[in-house]
């Protein structure tokens, strides 16, 4: 393995089951609550939005959940994905660190998102659903669900955050190529969208607003269900194929990570890589697990650990998470997939328990790392993934300065081929940083005390 650059597992080693970290946690995360009663919700409360099998996966505490063969059959189009030793980046940094990246950009949609989109489309088709609605920020999730719906014969409506709809037209074209209807959010299609537009006709939108629109659309049509690309347990479960493959690939490299890194917005790509390694940490192995977010949307690093709604219109159950407030509207940074006001409740619980670390970076530093990585390894990372790259480079430099050789593993969760306008802004000096003001965070958090259980 001394000179090997990458490990690509044979299709026969594609995981047969997803890994559920909840089975190994010493204590469970706080449960979702009904906003009216402040009591834990039951499966029946989720039935208007999700098919039965998805609901069962959301609440299960079984360690392993079998991956249906039709889902594995679609996975085989791109999985297992490569694990690459970033030797050229190591050389450029003159670091003794060993840098590995799990490259999820080989999927047809160019990111990790199809890992759950394919599963959700399958279960909805199995349940007789005709159409799925969803939201998307940067477009990776909307693209993935559009592709998955096409493969399983479902119609798809995507509410795309308006600023991303404007910044990333080719993501919209990709979704439409796969047959999806793409609606800029906030829109006049829903009561939630019209309410926002009445207050701010030029609203750039947010994931919270787009979620409200997609949920309302699904709940008001009998043949329609809602699909979520991050945050909930069943989504994180489906993404663990990333970490399960990576563990096997690290064995082939005859190495094991000392540091596991992922960018975080809602939590799906971070959890997908990290959860299988967190199971080792829970058994006593010394491994750092680091979530990296933007300073413009600093949920873990500056949010409050409170019960909050998952959407702006307050139509979802209350979930306990690090939140900036459901009315938070983030600035129009290019890492559109990292602009959610909260994070996955399970990831937040891990952070609250000290099992996960969090770091925030401004976008100019992130794009500097993205360009450095692209010039060494050849792949321009998605702006979201570049947050992880920034931390990895900083950690590798720390290793150089300390003379330590640590193994650093990160999730390169997607390529940036649809994000070159952002690269152009950086390369021409027009990209600016934005750090969310404390006063704005406090304003968005006002009123959340009334949502907390007694």
Protein backbone atom coordinates (compact mmCIF):
# COMPACT_ATOMS: atom_id res chain seq x y z
CA UNK A 1 0.00 0.00 0.00
CA UNK A 2 3.04 2.28 0.19
CA UNK A 3 2.49 3.96 -3.19
CA UNK A 4 -1.20 3.32 -3.76
CA UNK A 5 -3.32 6.36 -4.69
CA UNK A 6 -6.88 5.04 -4.48
CA UNK A 7 -8.99 2.08 -3.42
CA UNK A 8 -12.10 1.20 -5.41
CA UNK A 9 -14.00 -1.72 -3.91
CA UNK A 10 -15.65 -4.28 -6.20
CA UNK A 11 -19.45 -4.12 -6.49
CA UNK A 12 -19.64 -7.30 -4.42
CA UNK A 13 -18.49 -5.26 -1.40
CA UNK A 14 -21.29 -2.71 -1.70
CA UNK A 15 -22.86 -2.64 1.81
CA UNK A 16 -25.93 -4.80 2.26
CA UNK A 17 -27.25 -2.82 5.23
CA UNK A 18 -27.18 0.76 6.51
CA UNK A 19 -25.71 1.43 9.98
CA UNK A 20 -27.87 3.05 12.67
CA UNK A 21 -25.75 4.89 15.26
CA UNK A 22 -28.77 5.29 17.57
CA UNK A 23 -28.37 1.62 18.51
CA UNK A 24 -24.96 2.35 20.05
CA UNK A 25 -25.52 5.71 21.76
CA UNK A 26 -25.32 5.55 25.58
CA UNK A 27 -28.46 7.72 25.73
CA UNK A 28 -30.93 8.76 23.00
CA UNK A 29 -31.33 12.29 21.67
CA UNK A 30 -34.34 14.27 22.95
CA UNK A 31 -37.45 13.20 21.00
CA UNK A 32 -39.36 15.37 18.51
CA UNK A 33 -42.37 17.06 20.13
CA UNK A 34 -45.85 17.98 18.97
CA UNK A 35 -45.90 21.81 18.96
CA UNK A 36 -49.36 22.00 20.57
CA UNK A 37 -48.93 19.45 23.39
CA UNK A 38 -45.12 19.51 23.83
CA UNK A 39 -45.39 15.71 24.02
CA UNK A 40 -43.30 13.28 21.91
CA UNK A 41 -44.82 12.68 18.50
CA UNK A 42 -45.77 9.20 17.32
CA UNK A 43 -45.54 7.51 13.93
CA UNK A 44 -49.11 8.57 13.08
CA UNK A 45 -48.05 12.23 13.21
CA UNK A 46 -45.66 11.62 10.31
CA UNK A 47 -48.05 9.69 8.05
CA UNK A 48 -49.25 12.74 6.06
CA UNK A 49 -45.67 13.30 4.88
CA UNK A 50 -43.85 9.96 4.72
CA UNK A 51 -44.62 6.36 3.73
CA UNK A 52 -44.74 3.76 6.49
CA UNK A 53 -41.33 2.21 5.81
CA UNK A 54 -39.59 5.60 6.04
CA UNK A 55 -41.39 6.31 9.34
CA UNK A 56 -40.24 2.96 10.74
CA UNK A 57 -36.66 3.78 9.76
CA UNK A 58 -36.97 7.20 11.40
CA UNK A 59 -37.75 5.68 14.80
CA UNK A 60 -35.87 2.36 14.70
CA UNK A 61 -33.14 1.53 17.21
CA UNK A 62 -31.97 -1.55 15.30
CA UNK A 63 -28.25 -1.41 14.52
CA UNK A 64 -28.55 -2.61 10.92
CA UNK A 65 -31.29 -1.88 8.36
CA UNK A 66 -31.21 -3.99 5.22
CA UNK A 67 -30.77 -2.12 1.92
CA UNK A 68 -33.44 -3.36 -0.54
CA UNK A 69 -32.01 -5.00 -3.64
CA UNK A 70 -33.69 -2.50 -6.06
CA UNK A 71 -31.88 0.29 -4.18
CA UNK A 72 -28.55 -1.56 -4.29
CA UNK A 73 -29.11 -2.13 -8.00
CA UNK A 74 -29.29 1.65 -8.60
CA UNK A 75 -26.38 2.25 -6.21
CA UNK A 76 -24.23 0.04 -8.46
CA UNK A 77 -24.31 2.77 -11.13
CA UNK A 78 -21.66 4.62 -9.09
CA UNK A 79 -21.04 2.77 -5.83
CA UNK A 80 -18.75 1.87 -4.22
CA UNK A 81 -17.15 5.30 -4.60
CA UNK A 82 -13.35 5.79 -4.52
CA UNK A 83 -11.27 6.48 -1.44
CA UNK A 84 -8.27 8.52 -2.55
CA UNK A 85 -4.95 9.25 -0.83
CA UNK A 86 -4.31 12.95 -1.52
CA UNK A 87 -0.60 12.48 -2.10
CA UNK A 88 -0.20 15.53 -4.34
CA UNK A 89 -1.86 17.77 -1.73
CA UNK A 90 0.37 16.26 0.96
CA UNK A 91 3.42 17.09 -1.13
CA UNK A 92 2.23 20.64 -1.80
CA UNK A 93 1.75 21.18 1.93
CA UNK A 94 5.01 19.42 2.83
CA UNK A 95 3.11 17.68 5.59
CA UNK A 96 3.75 14.32 7.26
CA UNK A 97 -0.03 13.93 7.61
CA UNK A 98 -1.73 11.24 5.55
CA UNK A 99 -4.75 12.78 3.84
CA UNK A 100 -7.60 10.64 2.46
CA UNK A 101 -10.84 11.73 0.84
CA UNK A 102 -13.98 9.76 0.09
CA UNK A 103 -15.13 11.12 -3.27
CA UNK A 104 -18.92 11.22 -3.63
CA UNK A 105 -18.83 13.37 -6.77
CA UNK A 106 -18.84 10.26 -8.96
CA UNK A 107 -22.62 9.87 -8.61
CA UNK A 108 -24.77 10.88 -11.63
CA UNK A 109 -25.94 13.97 -9.72
CA UNK A 110 -22.38 14.87 -8.68
CA UNK A 111 -22.82 14.58 -4.92
CA UNK A 112 -23.64 12.22 -2.03
CA UNK A 113 -27.35 13.08 -2.10
CA UNK A 114 -28.54 10.16 -4.29
CA UNK A 115 -27.67 7.74 -1.46
CA UNK A 116 -30.90 8.73 0.28
CA UNK A 117 -32.86 10.02 -2.74
CA UNK A 118 -32.84 6.58 -4.36
CA UNK A 119 -33.97 4.92 -1.14
CA UNK A 120 -36.76 7.42 -0.52
CA UNK A 121 -38.04 7.20 -4.10
CA UNK A 122 -38.08 3.41 -3.85
CA UNK A 123 -40.07 3.32 -0.60
CA UNK A 124 -42.57 5.90 -1.87
CA UNK A 125 -43.08 4.00 -5.12
CA UNK A 126 -43.58 0.83 -3.11
CA UNK A 127 -46.28 2.64 -1.08
CA UNK A 128 -48.17 3.76 -4.20
CA UNK A 129 -47.21 7.43 -4.03
CA UNK A 130 -47.43 9.31 -7.36
CA UNK A 131 -45.47 12.50 -6.67
CA UNK A 132 -42.76 13.76 -4.28
CA UNK A 133 -42.18 17.34 -3.20
CA UNK A 134 -38.99 18.69 -1.68
CA UNK A 135 -36.84 21.76 -1.14
CA UNK A 136 -33.29 22.36 -2.26
CA UNK A 137 -30.67 24.97 -1.45
CA UNK A 138 -27.66 24.69 -3.72
CA UNK A 139 -29.44 22.14 -5.90
CA UNK A 140 -27.57 18.94 -5.06
CA UNK A 141 -30.53 17.45 -3.21
CA UNK A 142 -33.11 18.56 -5.76
CA UNK A 143 -30.98 17.09 -8.54
CA UNK A 144 -30.61 13.80 -6.70
CA UNK A 145 -34.33 13.46 -6.01
CA UNK A 146 -35.24 14.40 -9.58
CA UNK A 147 -32.97 11.61 -10.83
CA UNK A 148 -34.31 9.09 -8.31
CA UNK A 149 -37.94 9.93 -9.10
CA UNK A 150 -37.26 9.44 -12.79
CA UNK A 151 -35.77 6.01 -12.08
CA UNK A 152 -38.80 4.88 -10.08
CA UNK A 153 -41.54 6.54 -12.17
CA UNK A 154 -42.54 9.35 -9.80
CA UNK A 155 -43.34 12.98 -10.53
CA UNK A 156 -41.17 15.47 -8.64
CA UNK A 157 -41.68 19.10 -7.59
CA UNK A 158 -38.67 20.97 -6.20
CA UNK A 159 -38.92 24.29 -4.32
CA UNK A 160 -35.48 25.82 -4.84
CA UNK A 161 -34.25 28.65 -2.60
CA UNK A 162 -34.63 31.70 -4.81
CA UNK A 163 -31.06 33.00 -4.48
CA UNK A 164 -29.71 29.58 -5.50
CA UNK A 165 -32.26 29.38 -8.33
CA UNK A 166 -30.71 32.60 -9.63
CA UNK A 167 -27.07 31.73 -8.88
CA UNK A 168 -27.13 28.15 -10.19
CA UNK A 169 -29.25 27.95 -13.36
CA UNK A 170 -27.58 24.75 -14.52
CA UNK A 171 -28.70 22.91 -11.40
CA UNK A 172 -32.26 23.85 -12.38
CA UNK A 173 -31.63 22.62 -15.93
CA UNK A 174 -30.27 19.34 -14.58
CA UNK A 175 -33.39 18.80 -12.47
CA UNK A 176 -35.62 19.61 -15.42
CA UNK A 177 -33.60 17.24 -17.62
CA UNK A 178 -34.59 14.48 -15.19
CA UNK A 179 -38.24 15.57 -15.44
CA UNK A 180 -38.70 17.62 -12.27
CA UNK A 181 -40.70 20.82 -11.94
CA UNK A 182 -38.51 23.48 -10.28
CA UNK A 183 -40.14 26.41 -8.48
CA UNK A 184 -38.17 29.39 -7.06
CA UNK A 185 -38.98 29.80 -3.36
CA UNK A 186 -40.68 31.76 -1.89
CA UNK A 187 -43.38 31.36 -4.51
CA UNK A 188 -47.03 32.26 -4.96
CA UNK A 189 -47.89 28.55 -5.21
CA UNK A 190 -48.41 28.05 -1.49
CA UNK A 191 -49.85 29.92 1.46
CA UNK A 192 -46.43 29.82 3.15
CA UNK A 193 -44.74 31.36 0.12
CA UNK A 194 -47.36 34.06 -0.32
CA UNK A 195 -47.03 35.03 3.34
CA UNK A 196 -43.29 35.59 2.95
CA UNK A 197 -43.69 37.54 -0.29
CA UNK A 198 -46.30 39.81 1.29
CA UNK A 199 -43.68 40.86 3.86
CA UNK A 200 -40.67 40.89 1.53
CA UNK A 201 -41.37 40.71 -2.23
CA UNK A 202 -37.60 40.48 -2.87
CA UNK A 203 -36.92 37.74 -0.32
CA UNK A 204 -33.86 35.64 -1.30
CA UNK A 205 -35.53 32.68 0.34
CA UNK A 206 -34.17 30.14 2.80
CA UNK A 207 -34.27 26.40 3.29
CA UNK A 208 -36.78 26.93 6.10
CA UNK A 209 -39.14 28.74 3.72
CA UNK A 210 -38.68 26.17 0.95
CA UNK A 211 -39.37 23.35 3.42
CA UNK A 212 -42.61 25.07 4.43
CA UNK A 213 -43.71 25.24 0.79
CA UNK A 214 -42.81 21.64 0.01
CA UNK A 215 -44.49 20.33 3.19
CA UNK A 216 -47.66 22.33 2.49
CA UNK A 217 -47.77 21.06 -1.11
CA UNK A 218 -47.43 17.44 0.03
CA UNK A 219 -49.93 17.73 2.88
CA UNK A 220 -52.62 19.20 0.61
CA UNK A 221 -52.43 16.52 -2.11
CA UNK A 222 -53.52 12.93 -1.44
CA UNK A 223 -51.20 11.40 -4.03
CA UNK A 224 -48.11 13.26 -2.83
CA UNK A 225 -45.50 12.75 -0.09
CA UNK A 226 -42.57 14.85 1.05
CA UNK A 227 -38.89 13.89 0.80
CA UNK A 228 -36.17 15.46 2.93
CA UNK A 229 -32.50 15.49 1.94
CA UNK A 230 -30.92 15.97 5.35
CA UNK A 231 -31.56 16.38 9.11
CA UNK A 232 -33.85 13.41 9.89
CA UNK A 233 -32.62 10.04 11.13
CA UNK A 234 -33.69 8.02 8.09
CA UNK A 235 -31.68 10.34 5.84
CA UNK A 236 -28.54 10.02 7.97
CA UNK A 237 -29.09 6.26 8.03
CA UNK A 238 -29.10 5.98 4.23
CA UNK A 239 -25.91 8.03 3.97
CA UNK A 240 -23.89 5.63 6.12
CA UNK A 241 -22.96 3.67 3.00
CA UNK A 242 -20.24 6.35 2.70
CA UNK A 243 -18.58 5.59 6.02
CA UNK A 244 -19.10 1.83 5.78
CA UNK A 245 -17.25 1.73 2.46
CA UNK A 246 -14.58 4.09 3.79
CA UNK A 247 -13.88 1.83 6.78
CA UNK A 248 -13.26 -1.12 4.49
CA UNK A 249 -11.13 1.00 2.14
CA UNK A 250 -9.00 2.29 5.02
CA UNK A 251 -8.35 -1.34 5.92
CA UNK A 252 -7.10 -1.95 2.38
CA UNK A 253 -4.80 1.06 2.81
CA UNK A 254 -3.68 -0.56 6.10
CA UNK A 255 -4.45 2.66 7.92
CA UNK A 256 -7.11 4.15 10.22
CA UNK A 257 -8.16 7.79 10.57
CA UNK A 258 -7.10 9.88 13.56
CA UNK A 259 -9.34 12.73 12.38
CA UNK A 260 -12.65 12.43 10.46
CA UNK A 261 -13.94 15.63 8.84
CA UNK A 262 -17.07 16.71 6.99
CA UNK A 263 -18.82 19.95 6.12
CA UNK A 264 -22.20 20.43 7.77
CA UNK A 265 -25.38 22.22 6.82
CA UNK A 266 -28.18 19.85 7.78
CA UNK A 267 -25.84 16.97 8.53
CA UNK A 268 -26.29 14.29 5.86
CA UNK A 269 -22.82 14.04 4.30
CA UNK A 270 -21.13 14.60 7.66
CA UNK A 271 -23.15 11.86 9.34
CA UNK A 272 -22.76 9.54 6.36
CA UNK A 273 -18.99 9.48 6.75
CA UNK A 274 -18.71 10.03 10.50
CA UNK A 275 -21.32 7.75 12.07
CA UNK A 276 -19.59 4.43 11.27
CA UNK A 277 -16.37 5.85 12.75
CA UNK A 278 -18.20 7.27 15.76
CA UNK A 279 -19.22 3.71 16.59
CA UNK A 280 -15.49 3.02 17.03
CA UNK A 281 -15.09 6.15 19.17
CA UNK A 282 -17.94 4.99 21.41
CA UNK A 283 -16.01 1.74 21.90
CA UNK A 284 -12.94 3.65 23.08
CA UNK A 285 -10.89 4.36 19.94
CA UNK A 286 -9.25 7.80 19.97
CA UNK A 287 -10.57 9.59 16.89
CA UNK A 288 -11.49 13.25 16.47
CA UNK A 289 -14.69 13.94 14.52
CA UNK A 290 -14.99 17.49 13.19
CA UNK A 291 -17.96 19.29 11.57
CA UNK A 292 -17.13 22.39 9.51
CA UNK A 293 -19.65 25.16 8.79
CA UNK A 294 -19.70 28.72 7.37
CA UNK A 295 -19.40 31.76 9.63
CA UNK A 296 -22.38 33.16 7.70
CA UNK A 297 -24.63 30.36 9.03
CA UNK A 298 -22.95 29.24 12.27
CA UNK A 299 -25.51 26.82 13.71
CA UNK A 300 -23.26 24.62 15.85
CA UNK A 301 -20.66 27.22 16.75
CA UNK A 302 -23.04 30.08 17.62
CA UNK A 303 -26.55 28.62 17.73
CA UNK A 304 -28.53 27.66 20.84
CA UNK A 305 -29.43 24.10 21.81
CA UNK A 306 -33.21 24.48 21.90
CA UNK A 307 -36.42 22.99 20.57
CA UNK A 308 -37.35 24.74 17.35
CA UNK A 309 -39.39 24.25 14.21
CA UNK A 310 -37.64 22.79 11.20
CA UNK A 311 -39.31 25.28 8.87
CA UNK A 312 -40.26 28.94 8.74
CA UNK A 313 -44.04 28.47 8.66
CA UNK A 314 -43.99 26.32 11.83
CA UNK A 315 -45.63 23.30 10.18
CA UNK A 316 -43.11 20.66 11.33
CA UNK A 317 -42.71 19.00 14.74
CA UNK A 318 -40.40 20.64 17.26
CA UNK A 319 -36.91 19.15 17.26
CA UNK A 320 -34.07 19.87 19.67
CA UNK A 321 -31.05 21.14 17.79
CA UNK A 322 -28.51 23.89 17.68
CA UNK A 323 -30.54 26.56 15.94
CA UNK A 324 -30.32 30.15 14.77
CA UNK A 325 -34.12 30.38 14.87
CA UNK A 326 -36.66 29.23 12.28
CA UNK A 327 -37.12 32.81 11.03
CA UNK A 328 -33.40 33.07 10.23
CA UNK A 329 -32.73 34.10 6.61
CA UNK A 330 -29.06 33.53 5.78
CA UNK A 331 -26.95 35.73 3.52
CA UNK A 332 -26.52 34.66 -0.09
CA UNK A 333 -23.19 32.86 0.29
CA UNK A 334 -22.29 30.33 -2.38
CA UNK A 335 -22.33 27.28 -0.10
CA UNK A 336 -26.08 27.01 -0.54
CA UNK A 337 -26.25 23.56 1.02
CA UNK A 338 -24.92 24.95 4.32
CA UNK A 339 -27.54 27.66 4.85
CA UNK A 340 -30.04 25.81 7.07
CA UNK A 341 -30.99 27.41 10.40
CA UNK A 342 -30.43 24.19 12.35
CA UNK A 343 -28.68 20.83 12.13
CA UNK A 344 -29.67 17.18 12.40
CA UNK A 345 -30.92 16.55 15.97
CA UNK A 346 -28.75 13.44 16.31
CA UNK A 347 -25.62 15.33 15.22
CA UNK A 348 -26.54 18.16 17.62
CA UNK A 349 -26.89 15.65 20.44
CA UNK A 350 -23.43 14.26 19.66
CA UNK A 351 -22.00 17.79 19.67
CA UNK A 352 -23.80 18.56 22.93
CA UNK A 353 -22.26 15.43 24.44
CA UNK A 354 -18.75 16.40 23.33
CA UNK A 355 -18.38 13.54 20.85
CA UNK A 356 -18.14 15.90 17.87
CA UNK A 357 -16.20 19.16 17.40
CA UNK A 358 -17.27 22.13 15.26
CA UNK A 359 -15.34 24.84 13.38
CA UNK A 360 -16.58 27.76 11.24
CA UNK A 361 -14.81 29.49 8.33
CA UNK A 362 -15.55 32.53 6.11
CA UNK A 363 -16.08 31.81 2.43
CA UNK A 364 -12.94 33.50 1.06
CA UNK A 365 -10.76 31.21 3.19
CA UNK A 366 -12.88 28.28 2.06
CA UNK A 367 -12.45 29.11 -1.64
CA UNK A 368 -8.71 29.60 -1.16
CA UNK A 369 -8.59 26.02 0.12
CA UNK A 370 -10.82 24.82 -2.75
CA UNK A 371 -8.46 26.31 -5.35
CA UNK A 372 -5.42 24.88 -3.57
CA UNK A 373 -7.02 21.44 -3.53
CA UNK A 374 -8.07 21.68 -7.20
CA UNK A 375 -4.57 22.65 -8.28
CA UNK A 376 -3.07 19.72 -6.39
CA UNK A 377 -5.67 16.97 -6.83
CA UNK A 378 -7.46 18.13 -9.99
CA UNK A 379 -11.01 18.21 -8.58
CA UNK A 380 -12.72 21.57 -7.90
CA UNK A 381 -14.76 20.84 -4.76
CA UNK A 382 -18.33 21.97 -4.30
CA UNK A 383 -18.38 25.09 -2.10
CA UNK A 384 -19.94 23.01 0.68
CA UNK A 385 -17.22 20.34 0.54
CA UNK A 386 -14.54 23.03 0.42
CA UNK A 387 -15.29 23.85 4.06
CA UNK A 388 -13.98 20.41 5.01
CA UNK A 389 -10.99 20.95 2.71
CA UNK A 390 -10.17 24.19 4.56
CA UNK A 391 -10.01 22.39 7.91
CA UNK A 392 -8.01 19.49 6.45
CA UNK A 393 -5.37 21.84 5.03
CA UNK A 394 -5.13 23.71 8.34
CA UNK A 395 -4.83 20.42 10.24
CA UNK A 396 -2.16 19.13 7.85
CA UNK A 397 -0.15 22.33 8.36
CA UNK A 398 -0.45 21.86 12.13
CA UNK A 399 0.93 18.34 11.67
CA UNK A 400 3.85 19.77 9.69
CA UNK A 401 4.61 22.35 12.35
CA UNK A 402 4.40 19.76 15.14
CA UNK A 403 6.23 17.06 13.19
CA UNK A 404 3.32 14.65 13.66
CA UNK A 405 1.97 12.15 11.15
CA UNK A 406 -1.78 11.78 11.58
CA UNK A 407 -4.29 10.18 9.22
CA UNK A 408 -6.96 12.69 8.18
CA UNK A 409 -10.08 11.42 6.39
CA UNK A 410 -12.68 13.76 4.92
CA UNK A 411 -15.76 13.57 2.76
CA UNK A 412 -15.40 15.29 -0.60
CA UNK A 413 -19.17 15.23 -0.85
CA UNK A 414 -19.47 16.64 -4.37
CA UNK A 415 -17.70 18.38 -7.23
CA UNK A 416 -18.01 22.07 -8.05
CA UNK A 417 -18.64 21.85 -11.78
CA UNK A 418 -21.97 23.68 -11.37
CA UNK A 419 -20.39 26.25 -9.06
CA UNK A 420 -17.81 27.85 -11.33
CA UNK A 421 -19.52 31.25 -11.08
CA UNK A 422 -18.53 31.22 -7.42
CA UNK A 423 -14.97 30.28 -8.32
CA UNK A 424 -14.94 33.14 -10.82
CA UNK A 425 -16.00 35.58 -8.09
CA UNK A 426 -13.17 34.34 -5.89
CA UNK A 427 -10.54 34.38 -8.64
CA UNK A 428 -11.47 37.92 -9.70
CA UNK A 429 -11.46 39.24 -6.13
CA UNK A 430 -15.20 39.90 -5.97
CA UNK A 431 -16.04 37.32 -3.30
CA UNK A 432 -16.65 38.86 0.14
CA UNK A 433 -16.92 37.40 3.62
CA UNK A 434 -19.94 37.65 5.84
CA UNK A 435 -20.07 36.88 9.56
CA UNK A 436 -23.59 36.82 10.92
CA UNK A 437 -24.06 39.61 13.51
CA UNK A 438 -24.89 38.66 17.10
CA UNK A 439 -27.83 41.06 17.07
CA UNK A 440 -29.39 39.28 14.08
CA UNK A 441 -28.95 35.89 15.75
CA UNK A 442 -30.57 37.17 18.93
CA UNK A 443 -33.45 38.58 16.91
CA UNK A 444 -34.03 35.26 15.14
CA UNK A 445 -33.95 33.42 18.48
CA UNK A 446 -36.56 35.65 20.09
CA UNK A 447 -39.68 33.79 21.09
CA UNK A 448 -38.13 30.31 21.17
CA UNK A 449 -38.51 30.16 24.96
CA UNK A 450 -42.26 29.63 24.49
CA UNK A 451 -41.54 26.52 22.41
CA UNK A 452 -39.60 24.72 25.15
CA UNK A 453 -41.30 21.96 27.17
CA UNK A 454 -41.95 22.69 30.84
